[in-house]
Amino acid sequence: MWKNLLSMGMDFIGGSSIQVYIYIAILLGGFGTGFYVEHLRFSAYETKVEAAGAAAQAKTESIQKQHEIVTKGIKDEYDTKLSALRSYYKSTSVWNNNGGSTVSSLSPTSKSADVISAYNELAGNCAQTTLMLVELQKWLNEQIGIK
């Protein structure tokens, strides 16, 4: 089979068998050189992509740490304010506060005590909800600022 191919190649090229082998070697050398050059280009591209990926990973980790710091700070501040609100509404009765009011206070019957405690609970819940919204807005604004 190779003899037939070699004879066809010699007839086509019009030379001796050594010339055919030289042409085949040049052709294979060209293919090999082209493959090697493309391999080098691809290796350089891989290196560049790996470097970009490492930089992106480092930036992502930095942003995540900043987010965690902001979240922890806001959470600690929220917990402090929430405990202050809870202690205020547990110890203070807004209904029985005579600070400057000319209206007489409610009589201490069992119904009025229930109303006062229900009011204090409602006022405390409203204050907690307001605090949650304020702190959420603060957290969101600080998160948006991280780049």
N, C-alpha and C. Protein backbone atom coordinates (compact mmCIF):
# COMPACT_ATOMS: atom_id res chain seq x y z
N MET A 1 0.82 -1.19 0.00
CA MET A 1 0.00 0.00 0.00
C MET A 1 0.86 1.25 0.00
N TRP A 2 1.91 1.24 0.85
CA TRP A 2 2.79 2.39 0.88
C TRP A 2 3.56 2.54 -0.43
N LYS A 3 3.84 1.41 -1.03
CA LYS A 3 4.55 1.47 -2.31
C LYS A 3 3.68 2.14 -3.36
N ASN A 4 2.37 1.82 -3.34
CA ASN A 4 1.46 2.43 -4.30
C ASN A 4 1.33 3.93 -4.03
N LEU A 5 1.22 4.31 -2.77
CA LEU A 5 1.12 5.73 -2.43
C LEU A 5 2.39 6.46 -2.81
N LEU A 6 3.52 5.83 -2.54
CA LEU A 6 4.80 6.44 -2.87
C LEU A 6 4.95 6.62 -4.38
N SER A 7 4.53 5.62 -5.11
CA SER A 7 4.65 5.74 -6.58
C SER A 7 3.68 6.79 -7.10
N MET A 8 2.46 6.88 -6.49
CA MET A 8 1.52 7.93 -6.92
C MET A 8 2.07 9.31 -6.58
N GLY A 9 2.72 9.43 -5.40
CA GLY A 9 3.30 10.71 -5.00
C GLY A 9 4.44 11.10 -5.91
N MET A 10 5.24 10.11 -6.30
CA MET A 10 6.35 10.43 -7.20
C MET A 10 5.85 10.84 -8.57
N ASP A 11 4.80 10.19 -9.03
CA ASP A 11 4.23 10.57 -10.31
C ASP A 11 3.64 11.98 -10.25
N PHE A 12 2.98 12.29 -9.11
CA PHE A 12 2.33 13.60 -8.96
C PHE A 12 3.38 14.71 -8.82
N ILE A 13 4.40 14.47 -7.97
CA ILE A 13 5.41 15.49 -7.73
C ILE A 13 6.44 15.47 -8.85
N GLY A 14 6.67 14.34 -9.38
CA GLY A 14 7.62 14.23 -10.48
C GLY A 14 9.05 14.19 -10.01
N GLY A 15 9.31 13.45 -8.96
CA GLY A 15 10.67 13.38 -8.45
C GLY A 15 10.94 12.01 -7.90
N SER A 16 12.05 11.92 -7.19
CA SER A 16 12.44 10.64 -6.61
C SER A 16 11.74 10.43 -5.28
N SER A 17 11.92 9.24 -4.72
CA SER A 17 11.27 8.92 -3.46
C SER A 17 11.84 9.76 -2.32
N ILE A 18 13.07 10.15 -2.38
CA ILE A 18 13.67 10.99 -1.34
C ILE A 18 13.00 12.36 -1.33
N GLN A 19 12.69 12.88 -2.49
CA GLN A 19 11.99 14.17 -2.55
C GLN A 19 10.59 14.06 -1.94
N VAL A 20 9.92 12.96 -2.17
CA VAL A 20 8.59 12.76 -1.60
C VAL A 20 8.69 12.72 -0.08
N TYR A 21 9.70 11.99 0.44
CA TYR A 21 9.87 11.93 1.88
C TYR A 21 10.18 13.31 2.46
N ILE A 22 10.95 14.08 1.75
CA ILE A 22 11.27 15.44 2.20
C ILE A 22 9.99 16.28 2.23
N TYR A 23 9.18 16.18 1.18
CA TYR A 23 7.91 16.94 1.16
C TYR A 23 6.98 16.51 2.31
N ILE A 24 6.93 15.21 2.54
CA ILE A 24 6.10 14.71 3.65
C ILE A 24 6.63 15.23 4.99
N ALA A 25 7.94 15.22 5.17
CA ALA A 25 8.55 15.71 6.41
C ALA A 25 8.28 17.20 6.59
N ILE A 26 8.37 17.97 5.49
CA ILE A 26 8.07 19.41 5.56
C ILE A 26 6.61 19.64 5.92
N LEU A 27 5.73 18.85 5.30
CA LEU A 27 4.30 18.97 5.58
C LEU A 27 4.01 18.64 7.05
N LEU A 28 4.55 17.52 7.54
CA LEU A 28 4.35 17.15 8.95
C LEU A 28 5.00 18.17 9.89
N GLY A 29 6.15 18.69 9.50
CA GLY A 29 6.81 19.73 10.31
C GLY A 29 5.95 20.99 10.39
N GLY A 30 5.33 21.34 9.29
CA GLY A 30 4.44 22.51 9.29
C GLY A 30 3.24 22.31 10.20
N PHE A 31 2.65 21.09 10.12
CA PHE A 31 1.53 20.78 11.01
C PHE A 31 1.97 20.82 12.47
N GLY A 32 3.12 20.23 12.75
CA GLY A 32 3.64 20.21 14.12
C GLY A 32 3.93 21.60 14.64
N THR A 33 4.54 22.43 13.79
CA THR A 33 4.84 23.80 14.20
C THR A 33 3.56 24.58 14.45
N GLY A 34 2.59 24.42 13.59
CA GLY A 34 1.29 25.09 13.80
C GLY A 34 0.63 24.64 15.09
N PHE A 35 0.68 23.35 15.36
CA PHE A 35 0.10 22.85 16.60
C PHE A 35 0.84 23.41 17.81
N TYR A 36 2.16 23.44 17.74
CA TYR A 36 2.96 23.94 18.86
C TYR A 36 2.69 25.42 19.12
N VAL A 37 2.61 26.21 18.07
CA VAL A 37 2.32 27.64 18.23
C VAL A 37 0.95 27.85 18.87
N GLU A 38 -0.04 27.12 18.39
CA GLU A 38 -1.38 27.25 18.98
C GLU A 38 -1.40 26.74 20.42
N HIS A 39 -0.61 25.72 20.71
CA HIS A 39 -0.53 25.23 22.09
C HIS A 39 0.07 26.31 22.99
N LEU A 40 1.11 26.98 22.52
CA LEU A 40 1.70 28.07 23.31
C LEU A 40 0.69 29.20 23.53
N ARG A 41 -0.06 29.56 22.51
CA ARG A 41 -1.08 30.59 22.65
C ARG A 41 -2.13 30.19 23.67
N PHE A 42 -2.57 28.94 23.58
CA PHE A 42 -3.58 28.45 24.51
C PHE A 42 -3.04 28.41 25.93
N SER A 43 -1.80 28.02 26.12
CA SER A 43 -1.19 28.01 27.45
C SER A 43 -1.12 29.42 28.03
N ALA A 44 -0.76 30.39 27.19
CA ALA A 44 -0.73 31.78 27.65
C ALA A 44 -2.13 32.26 28.02
N TYR A 45 -3.11 31.87 27.23
CA TYR A 45 -4.51 32.24 27.52
C TYR A 45 -4.96 31.61 28.84
N GLU A 46 -4.62 30.34 29.06
CA GLU A 46 -4.98 29.66 30.31
C GLU A 46 -4.37 30.38 31.51
N THR A 47 -3.11 30.78 31.39
CA THR A 47 -2.43 31.50 32.47
C THR A 47 -3.13 32.82 32.76
N LYS A 48 -3.51 33.53 31.71
CA LYS A 48 -4.20 34.81 31.88
C LYS A 48 -5.56 34.61 32.54
N VAL A 49 -6.29 33.60 32.13
CA VAL A 49 -7.61 33.32 32.72
C VAL A 49 -7.47 32.91 34.19
N GLU A 50 -6.46 32.12 34.51
CA GLU A 50 -6.24 31.71 35.90
C GLU A 50 -5.92 32.93 36.76
N ALA A 51 -5.10 33.84 36.25
CA ALA A 51 -4.76 35.04 37.01
C ALA A 51 -5.99 35.91 37.22
N ALA A 52 -6.82 36.05 36.18
CA ALA A 52 -8.05 36.85 36.32
C ALA A 52 -9.01 36.18 37.31
N GLY A 53 -9.09 34.87 37.27
CA GLY A 53 -9.94 34.14 38.21
C GLY A 53 -9.47 34.30 39.64
N ALA A 54 -8.17 34.26 39.86
CA ALA A 54 -7.63 34.44 41.21
C ALA A 54 -7.91 35.85 41.71
N ALA A 55 -7.77 36.85 40.83
CA ALA A 55 -8.06 38.23 41.23
C ALA A 55 -9.54 38.41 41.56
N ALA A 56 -10.40 37.81 40.76
CA ALA A 56 -11.84 37.90 41.02
C ALA A 56 -12.20 37.19 42.32
N GLN A 57 -11.57 36.06 42.59
CA GLN A 57 -11.82 35.33 43.83
C GLN A 57 -11.39 36.16 45.03
N ALA A 58 -10.23 36.80 44.95
CA ALA A 58 -9.75 37.64 46.05
C ALA A 58 -10.69 38.82 46.29
N LYS A 59 -11.16 39.43 45.20
CA LYS A 59 -12.09 40.56 45.34
C LYS A 59 -13.41 40.09 45.96
N THR A 60 -13.89 38.93 45.54
CA THR A 60 -15.14 38.38 46.10
C THR A 60 -14.99 38.12 47.58
N GLU A 61 -13.87 37.54 47.98
CA GLU A 61 -13.64 37.27 49.41
C GLU A 61 -13.58 38.57 50.20
N SER A 62 -12.94 39.59 49.64
CA SER A 62 -12.86 40.89 50.31
C SER A 62 -14.24 41.50 50.49
N ILE A 63 -15.06 41.43 49.46
CA ILE A 63 -16.42 41.99 49.53
C ILE A 63 -17.25 41.20 50.54
N GLN A 64 -17.10 39.88 50.56
CA GLN A 64 -17.84 39.07 51.53
C GLN A 64 -17.45 39.43 52.96
N LYS A 65 -16.16 39.64 53.20
CA LYS A 65 -15.72 40.03 54.54
C LYS A 65 -16.29 41.39 54.92
N GLN A 66 -16.31 42.34 53.98
CA GLN A 66 -16.88 43.65 54.26
C GLN A 66 -18.37 43.53 54.57
N HIS A 67 -19.08 42.70 53.82
CA HIS A 67 -20.51 42.47 54.08
C HIS A 67 -20.72 41.89 55.48
N GLU A 68 -19.88 40.94 55.85
CA GLU A 68 -20.01 40.33 57.18
C GLU A 68 -19.75 41.34 58.28
N ILE A 69 -18.75 42.20 58.09
CA ILE A 69 -18.43 43.23 59.09
C ILE A 69 -19.59 44.21 59.23
N VAL A 70 -20.13 44.66 58.09
CA VAL A 70 -21.26 45.59 58.13
C VAL A 70 -22.47 44.93 58.79
N THR A 71 -22.75 43.70 58.42
CA THR A 71 -23.90 43.00 58.98
C THR A 71 -23.75 42.81 60.48
N LYS A 72 -22.56 42.43 60.93
CA LYS A 72 -22.33 42.24 62.36
C LYS A 72 -22.48 43.56 63.10
N GLY A 73 -21.94 44.64 62.55
CA GLY A 73 -22.06 45.94 63.19
C GLY A 73 -23.51 46.39 63.32
N ILE A 74 -24.26 46.24 62.25
CA ILE A 74 -25.67 46.62 62.27
C ILE A 74 -26.44 45.72 63.24
N LYS A 75 -26.14 44.44 63.26
CA LYS A 75 -26.84 43.51 64.15
C LYS A 75 -26.56 43.85 65.61
N ASP A 76 -25.30 44.13 65.93
CA ASP A 76 -24.97 44.48 67.31
C ASP A 76 -25.68 45.77 67.73
N GLU A 77 -25.67 46.75 66.85
CA GLU A 77 -26.35 48.01 67.14
C GLU A 77 -27.86 47.79 67.30
N TYR A 78 -28.41 46.96 66.43
CA TYR A 78 -29.84 46.65 66.50
C TYR A 78 -30.18 45.95 67.81
N ASP A 79 -29.37 44.97 68.20
CA ASP A 79 -29.63 44.25 69.45
C ASP A 79 -29.58 45.18 70.65
N THR A 80 -28.62 46.10 70.65
CA THR A 80 -28.51 47.06 71.75
C THR A 80 -29.75 47.95 71.82
N LYS A 81 -30.14 48.48 70.68
CA LYS A 81 -31.32 49.36 70.65
C LYS A 81 -32.59 48.58 70.99
N LEU A 82 -32.68 47.34 70.53
CA LEU A 82 -33.86 46.53 70.80
C LEU A 82 -33.99 46.22 72.30
N SER A 83 -32.89 45.89 72.93
CA SER A 83 -32.96 45.62 74.37
C SER A 83 -33.32 46.88 75.14
N ALA A 84 -32.83 48.04 74.69
CA ALA A 84 -33.19 49.30 75.34
C ALA A 84 -34.69 49.58 75.17
N LEU A 85 -35.21 49.33 73.97
CA LEU A 85 -36.65 49.52 73.74
C LEU A 85 -37.48 48.59 74.60
N ARG A 86 -37.09 47.34 74.66
CA ARG A 86 -37.85 46.37 75.45
C ARG A 86 -37.84 46.73 76.93
N SER A 87 -36.69 47.13 77.42
CA SER A 87 -36.64 47.49 78.83
C SER A 87 -37.45 48.77 79.09
N TYR A 88 -37.44 49.70 78.15
CA TYR A 88 -38.23 50.92 78.31
C TYR A 88 -39.72 50.59 78.38
N TYR A 89 -40.20 49.77 77.47
CA TYR A 89 -41.64 49.49 77.43
C TYR A 89 -42.07 48.50 78.51
N LYS A 90 -41.14 47.79 79.11
CA LYS A 90 -41.49 46.93 80.24
C LYS A 90 -41.58 47.74 81.53
N SER A 91 -40.71 48.73 81.66
CA SER A 91 -40.65 49.47 82.91
C SER A 91 -41.48 50.74 82.91
N THR A 92 -41.86 51.24 81.76
CA THR A 92 -42.57 52.50 81.67
C THR A 92 -44.00 52.27 81.23
N SER A 93 -44.89 52.92 81.90
CA SER A 93 -46.28 52.89 81.48
C SER A 93 -46.62 54.26 80.92
N VAL A 94 -46.81 54.32 79.63
CA VAL A 94 -47.10 55.59 78.98
C VAL A 94 -48.42 56.14 79.48
N TRP A 95 -49.36 55.28 79.82
CA TRP A 95 -50.68 55.72 80.26
C TRP A 95 -50.64 56.36 81.63
N ASN A 96 -49.80 55.88 82.50
CA ASN A 96 -49.76 56.40 83.87
C ASN A 96 -48.66 57.44 84.06
N ASN A 97 -48.09 57.94 83.01
CA ASN A 97 -47.05 58.95 83.12
C ASN A 97 -47.71 60.30 83.32
N ASN A 98 -47.50 60.94 84.47
CA ASN A 98 -48.13 62.22 84.78
C ASN A 98 -47.23 63.39 84.42
N GLY A 99 -46.35 63.21 83.53
CA GLY A 99 -45.40 64.26 83.17
C GLY A 99 -46.05 65.38 82.38
N GLY A 100 -46.66 66.36 83.02
CA GLY A 100 -47.18 67.55 82.35
C GLY A 100 -48.60 67.42 81.86
N SER A 101 -49.27 66.32 82.09
CA SER A 101 -50.63 66.14 81.61
C SER A 101 -51.60 66.68 82.64
N THR A 102 -52.64 67.39 82.19
CA THR A 102 -53.66 67.91 83.11
C THR A 102 -54.82 66.95 83.26
N VAL A 103 -54.84 65.91 82.45
CA VAL A 103 -55.90 64.92 82.52
C VAL A 103 -55.55 63.94 83.64
N SER A 104 -56.56 63.60 84.43
CA SER A 104 -56.29 62.67 85.51
C SER A 104 -55.97 61.30 84.93
N SER A 105 -55.14 60.57 85.69
CA SER A 105 -54.75 59.25 85.20
C SER A 105 -55.88 58.27 85.42
N LEU A 106 -55.78 57.14 84.77
CA LEU A 106 -56.81 56.11 84.86
C LEU A 106 -56.80 55.47 86.24
N SER A 107 -57.95 55.02 86.65
CA SER A 107 -58.02 54.32 87.93
C SER A 107 -57.40 52.94 87.79
N PRO A 108 -56.77 52.46 88.84
CA PRO A 108 -56.08 51.16 88.75
C PRO A 108 -57.01 49.97 88.90
N THR A 109 -57.97 49.84 88.02
CA THR A 109 -58.82 48.66 88.04
C THR A 109 -58.18 47.58 87.21
N SER A 110 -58.73 46.39 87.28
CA SER A 110 -58.13 45.28 86.52
C SER A 110 -58.27 45.49 85.03
N LYS A 111 -59.41 46.09 84.60
CA LYS A 111 -59.57 46.33 83.16
C LYS A 111 -58.56 47.36 82.67
N SER A 112 -58.36 48.40 83.44
CA SER A 112 -57.42 49.43 82.99
C SER A 112 -55.99 48.89 83.02
N ALA A 113 -55.68 48.02 83.95
CA ALA A 113 -54.34 47.41 83.98
C ALA A 113 -54.14 46.55 82.75
N ASP A 114 -55.18 45.82 82.32
CA ASP A 114 -55.08 45.03 81.10
C ASP A 114 -54.89 45.92 79.88
N VAL A 115 -55.62 47.04 79.86
CA VAL A 115 -55.50 47.98 78.73
C VAL A 115 -54.12 48.59 78.72
N ILE A 116 -53.63 48.96 79.88
CA ILE A 116 -52.29 49.56 79.95
C ILE A 116 -51.22 48.58 79.49
N SER A 117 -51.30 47.35 79.98
CA SER A 117 -50.28 46.37 79.55
C SER A 117 -50.42 46.05 78.06
N ALA A 118 -51.66 45.99 77.56
CA ALA A 118 -51.85 45.74 76.12
C ALA A 118 -51.31 46.91 75.30
N TYR A 119 -51.54 48.14 75.79
CA TYR A 119 -51.03 49.31 75.08
C TYR A 119 -49.51 49.31 75.09
N ASN A 120 -48.93 49.04 76.24
CA ASN A 120 -47.46 49.01 76.32
C ASN A 120 -46.89 47.94 75.40
N GLU A 121 -47.55 46.79 75.32
CA GLU A 121 -47.09 45.73 74.43
C GLU A 121 -47.20 46.17 72.97
N LEU A 122 -48.33 46.80 72.62
CA LEU A 122 -48.51 47.29 71.25
C LEU A 122 -47.49 48.37 70.91
N ALA A 123 -47.31 49.30 71.83
CA ALA A 123 -46.34 50.37 71.58
C ALA A 123 -44.93 49.79 71.46
N GLY A 124 -44.61 48.81 72.27
CA GLY A 124 -43.31 48.16 72.18
C GLY A 124 -43.12 47.44 70.86
N ASN A 125 -44.17 46.74 70.41
CA ASN A 125 -44.09 46.04 69.12
C ASN A 125 -43.93 47.02 67.97
N CYS A 126 -44.66 48.14 68.04
CA CYS A 126 -44.53 49.18 66.99
C CYS A 126 -43.11 49.75 66.98
N ALA A 127 -42.58 50.02 68.16
CA ALA A 127 -41.22 50.56 68.24
C ALA A 127 -40.20 49.55 67.70
N GLN A 128 -40.40 48.26 68.00
CA GLN A 128 -39.49 47.24 67.49
C GLN A 128 -39.55 47.14 65.97
N THR A 129 -40.77 47.21 65.44
CA THR A 129 -40.92 47.14 63.98
C THR A 129 -40.27 48.35 63.31
N THR A 130 -40.46 49.52 63.90
CA THR A 130 -39.83 50.73 63.36
C THR A 130 -38.32 50.60 63.41
N LEU A 131 -37.82 50.09 64.52
CA LEU A 131 -36.37 49.89 64.65
C LEU A 131 -35.88 48.91 63.60
N MET A 132 -36.62 47.83 63.36
CA MET A 132 -36.22 46.86 62.33
C MET A 132 -36.12 47.52 60.97
N LEU A 133 -37.11 48.33 60.63
CA LEU A 133 -37.10 48.98 59.31
C LEU A 133 -35.96 49.98 59.19
N VAL A 134 -35.72 50.75 60.25
CA VAL A 134 -34.63 51.74 60.22
C VAL A 134 -33.29 51.03 60.07
N GLU A 135 -33.09 49.98 60.83
CA GLU A 135 -31.82 49.25 60.75
C GLU A 135 -31.67 48.52 59.42
N LEU A 136 -32.76 48.02 58.86
CA LEU A 136 -32.71 47.37 57.55
C LEU A 136 -32.31 48.37 56.47
N GLN A 137 -32.89 49.57 56.54
CA GLN A 137 -32.52 50.60 55.57
C GLN A 137 -31.05 50.99 55.73
N LYS A 138 -30.60 51.10 56.96
CA LYS A 138 -29.20 51.44 57.21
C LYS A 138 -28.28 50.34 56.67
N TRP A 139 -28.65 49.08 56.93
CA TRP A 139 -27.85 47.95 56.45
C TRP A 139 -27.78 47.95 54.93
N LEU A 140 -28.94 48.16 54.30
CA LEU A 140 -28.99 48.14 52.84
C LEU A 140 -28.15 49.25 52.24
N ASN A 141 -28.23 50.45 52.81
CA ASN A 141 -27.42 51.57 52.31
C ASN A 141 -25.94 51.30 52.46
N GLU A 142 -25.54 50.67 53.57
CA GLU A 142 -24.12 50.35 53.75
C GLU A 142 -23.69 49.23 52.81
N GLN A 143 -24.57 48.27 52.53
CA GLN A 143 -24.23 47.18 51.61
C GLN A 143 -24.08 47.70 50.18
N ILE A 144 -24.91 48.66 49.82
CA ILE A 144 -24.84 49.21 48.46
C ILE A 144 -23.52 49.94 48.27
N GLY A 145 -23.00 50.56 49.33
CA GLY A 145 -21.76 51.32 49.23
C GLY A 145 -20.52 50.46 49.08
N ILE A 146 -20.61 49.16 49.33
CA ILE A 146 -19.44 48.28 49.21
C ILE A 146 -19.20 47.93 47.75
N LYS A 147 -17.97 48.13 47.33
CA LYS A 147 -17.62 47.82 45.93
C LYS A 147 -16.33 47.08 45.87
